[in-house]
Amino acid sequence: MNLPKILSIGAATQDVFLSNSPEFRLISTAENQDVVEFQLGSKIDIQNIDISSGGGATNAATTFCETRFDFKFLWVWLERILRANKF
């Protein structure tokens, strides 16, 4: 059986979530989240760091990774080409 070939083109981000530091200062609160800040350039102890990938292309690529489809992810190569050509 021939499996489809898939090319995922688009955005990629890295999400970083910091939590549980006494250095955080509460700015506002909502039903499901608190907004906090800390002093720019400060050195603080962080109790928990969660790092994950995001963006449309990486989310799609992750989905295809769990299948046996032949897929490629183009963001890194496209980004380097655009930088090299000053776009």
C-alpha atoms as a PDB file:
ATOM      1  CA  MET A   1       0.000   0.000   0.000  1.00  0.00           C
ATOM      2  CA  ASN A   2       1.321   3.454  -0.960  1.00  0.00           C
ATOM      3  CA  LEU A   3       1.076   5.949   1.874  1.00  0.00           C
ATOM      4  CA  PRO A   4       0.595   9.668   1.107  1.00  0.00           C
ATOM      5  CA  LYS A   5       3.525  12.065   1.289  1.00  0.00           C
ATOM      6  CA  ILE A   6       2.847  15.168   3.374  1.00  0.00           C
ATOM      7  CA  LEU A   7       4.792  18.440   3.616  1.00  0.00           C
ATOM      8  CA  SER A   8       3.965  20.658   6.607  1.00  0.00           C
ATOM      9  CA  ILE A   9       4.830  24.322   5.929  1.00  0.00           C
ATOM     10  CA  GLY A  10       4.229  27.081   8.448  1.00  0.00           C
ATOM     11  CA  ALA A  11       4.892  28.511  11.849  1.00  0.00           C
ATOM     12  CA  ALA A  12       6.867  27.016  14.704  1.00  0.00           C
ATOM     13  CA  THR A  13       7.037  28.405  18.219  1.00  0.00           C
ATOM     14  CA  GLN A  14       8.455  27.404  21.548  1.00  0.00           C
ATOM     15  CA  ASP A  15       6.149  27.945  24.513  1.00  0.00           C
ATOM     16  CA  VAL A  16       7.801  28.391  27.924  1.00  0.00           C
ATOM     17  CA  PHE A  17       5.650  28.399  31.060  1.00  0.00           C
ATOM     18  CA  LEU A  18       7.159  29.369  34.420  1.00  0.00           C
ATOM     19  CA  SER A  19       5.261  28.750  37.627  1.00  0.00           C
ATOM     20  CA  ASN A  20       5.386  28.703  41.416  1.00  0.00           C
ATOM     21  CA  SER A  21       7.950  31.388  42.230  1.00  0.00           C
ATOM     22  CA  PRO A  22       7.512  33.679  45.247  1.00  0.00           C
ATOM     23  CA  GLU A  23       9.182  36.403  43.121  1.00  0.00           C
ATOM     24  CA  PHE A  24       6.133  36.646  40.824  1.00  0.00           C
ATOM     25  CA  ARG A  25       3.936  39.684  41.394  1.00  0.00           C
ATOM     26  CA  LEU A  26       0.214  39.262  40.662  1.00  0.00           C
ATOM     27  CA  ILE A  27      -1.003  41.704  37.982  1.00  0.00           C
ATOM     28  CA  SER A  28      -4.531  40.411  37.326  1.00  0.00           C
ATOM     29  CA  THR A  29      -6.645  37.356  37.820  1.00  0.00           C
ATOM     30  CA  ALA A  30      -9.291  35.660  35.681  1.00  0.00           C
ATOM     31  CA  GLU A  31     -11.455  32.585  36.066  1.00  0.00           C
ATOM     32  CA  ASN A  32      -8.816  30.086  34.860  1.00  0.00           C
ATOM     33  CA  GLN A  33      -5.546  32.042  34.985  1.00  0.00           C
ATOM     34  CA  ASP A  34      -3.482  34.552  36.892  1.00  0.00           C
ATOM     35  CA  VAL A  35      -1.239  37.066  35.149  1.00  0.00           C
ATOM     36  CA  VAL A  36       2.038  37.678  36.950  1.00  0.00           C
ATOM     37  CA  GLU A  37       5.265  39.569  36.299  1.00  0.00           C
ATOM     38  CA  PHE A  38       8.799  39.681  37.601  1.00  0.00           C
ATOM     39  CA  GLN A  39      11.543  42.307  37.410  1.00  0.00           C
ATOM     40  CA  LEU A  40      13.306  42.365  34.017  1.00  0.00           C
ATOM     41  CA  GLY A  41      16.876  41.100  34.421  1.00  0.00           C
ATOM     42  CA  SER A  42      16.258  39.704  37.883  1.00  0.00           C
ATOM     43  CA  LYS A  43      17.623  36.369  39.025  1.00  0.00           C
ATOM     44  CA  ILE A  44      14.812  34.335  40.536  1.00  0.00           C
ATOM     45  CA  ASP A  45      14.259  30.753  41.606  1.00  0.00           C
ATOM     46  CA  ILE A  46      11.671  28.964  39.483  1.00  0.00           C
ATOM     47  CA  GLN A  47       9.940  25.915  40.919  1.00  0.00           C
ATOM     48  CA  ASN A  48       8.546  24.575  37.646  1.00  0.00           C
ATOM     49  CA  ILE A  49       9.310  25.104  33.930  1.00  0.00           C
ATOM     50  CA  ASP A  50       7.183  23.580  31.161  1.00  0.00           C
ATOM     51  CA  ILE A  51       8.517  23.833  27.590  1.00  0.00           C
ATOM     52  CA  SER A  52       6.535  22.717  24.560  1.00  0.00           C
ATOM     53  CA  SER A  53       6.417  23.309  20.825  1.00  0.00           C
ATOM     54  CA  GLY A  54       3.557  25.025  19.093  1.00  0.00           C
ATOM     55  CA  GLY A  55       2.580  26.688  15.849  1.00  0.00           C
ATOM     56  CA  GLY A  56       0.446  25.355  13.034  1.00  0.00           C
ATOM     57  CA  ALA A  57       3.180  23.471  11.163  1.00  0.00           C
ATOM     58  CA  THR A  58       4.671  21.745  14.193  1.00  0.00           C
ATOM     59  CA  ASN A  59       1.229  20.780  15.501  1.00  0.00           C
ATOM     60  CA  ALA A  60       0.355  19.245  12.128  1.00  0.00           C
ATOM     61  CA  ALA A  61       3.746  17.497  11.906  1.00  0.00           C
ATOM     62  CA  THR A  62       3.248  16.044  15.386  1.00  0.00           C
ATOM     63  CA  THR A  63      -0.102  14.624  14.341  1.00  0.00           C
ATOM     64  CA  PHE A  64       1.394  13.051  11.202  1.00  0.00           C
ATOM     65  CA  CYS A  65       4.345  11.708  13.217  1.00  0.00           C
ATOM     66  CA  GLU A  66       1.932   9.456  15.064  1.00  0.00           C
ATOM     67  CA  THR A  67       0.837   7.903  11.759  1.00  0.00           C
ATOM     68  CA  ARG A  68       2.984   6.053   9.266  1.00  0.00           C
ATOM     69  CA  PHE A  69       2.649   8.778   6.647  1.00  0.00           C
ATOM     70  CA  ASP A  70       5.806  10.028   4.929  1.00  0.00           C
ATOM     71  CA  PHE A  71       5.958  13.648   6.069  1.00  0.00           C
ATOM     72  CA  LYS A  72       8.449  16.513   6.134  1.00  0.00           C
ATOM     73  CA  PHE A  73       8.538  19.785   8.054  1.00  0.00           C
ATOM     74  CA  LEU A  74       9.787  22.841   6.118  1.00  0.00           C
ATOM     75  CA  TRP A  75       9.918  25.731   8.605  1.00  0.00           C
ATOM     76  CA  VAL A  76      13.620  25.554   9.488  1.00  0.00           C
ATOM     77  CA  TRP A  77      14.782  25.420   5.890  1.00  0.00           C
ATOM     78  CA  LEU A  78      12.446  28.197   4.757  1.00  0.00           C
ATOM     79  CA  GLU A  79      13.506  30.442   7.646  1.00  0.00           C
ATOM     80  CA  ARG A  80      17.201  30.032   6.746  1.00  0.00           C
ATOM     81  CA  ILE A  81      16.537  30.819   3.068  1.00  0.00           C
ATOM     82  CA  LEU A  82      14.612  33.974   3.972  1.00  0.00           C
ATOM     83  CA  ARG A  83      17.384  35.172   6.296  1.00  0.00           C
ATOM     84  CA  ALA A  84      20.108  34.466   3.739  1.00  0.00           C
ATOM     85  CA  ASN A  85      18.207  36.504   1.124  1.00  0.00           C
ATOM     86  CA  LYS A  86      17.259  39.257   3.630  1.00  0.00           C
ATOM     87  CA  PHE A  87      13.491  38.902   3.142  1.00  0.00           C
END
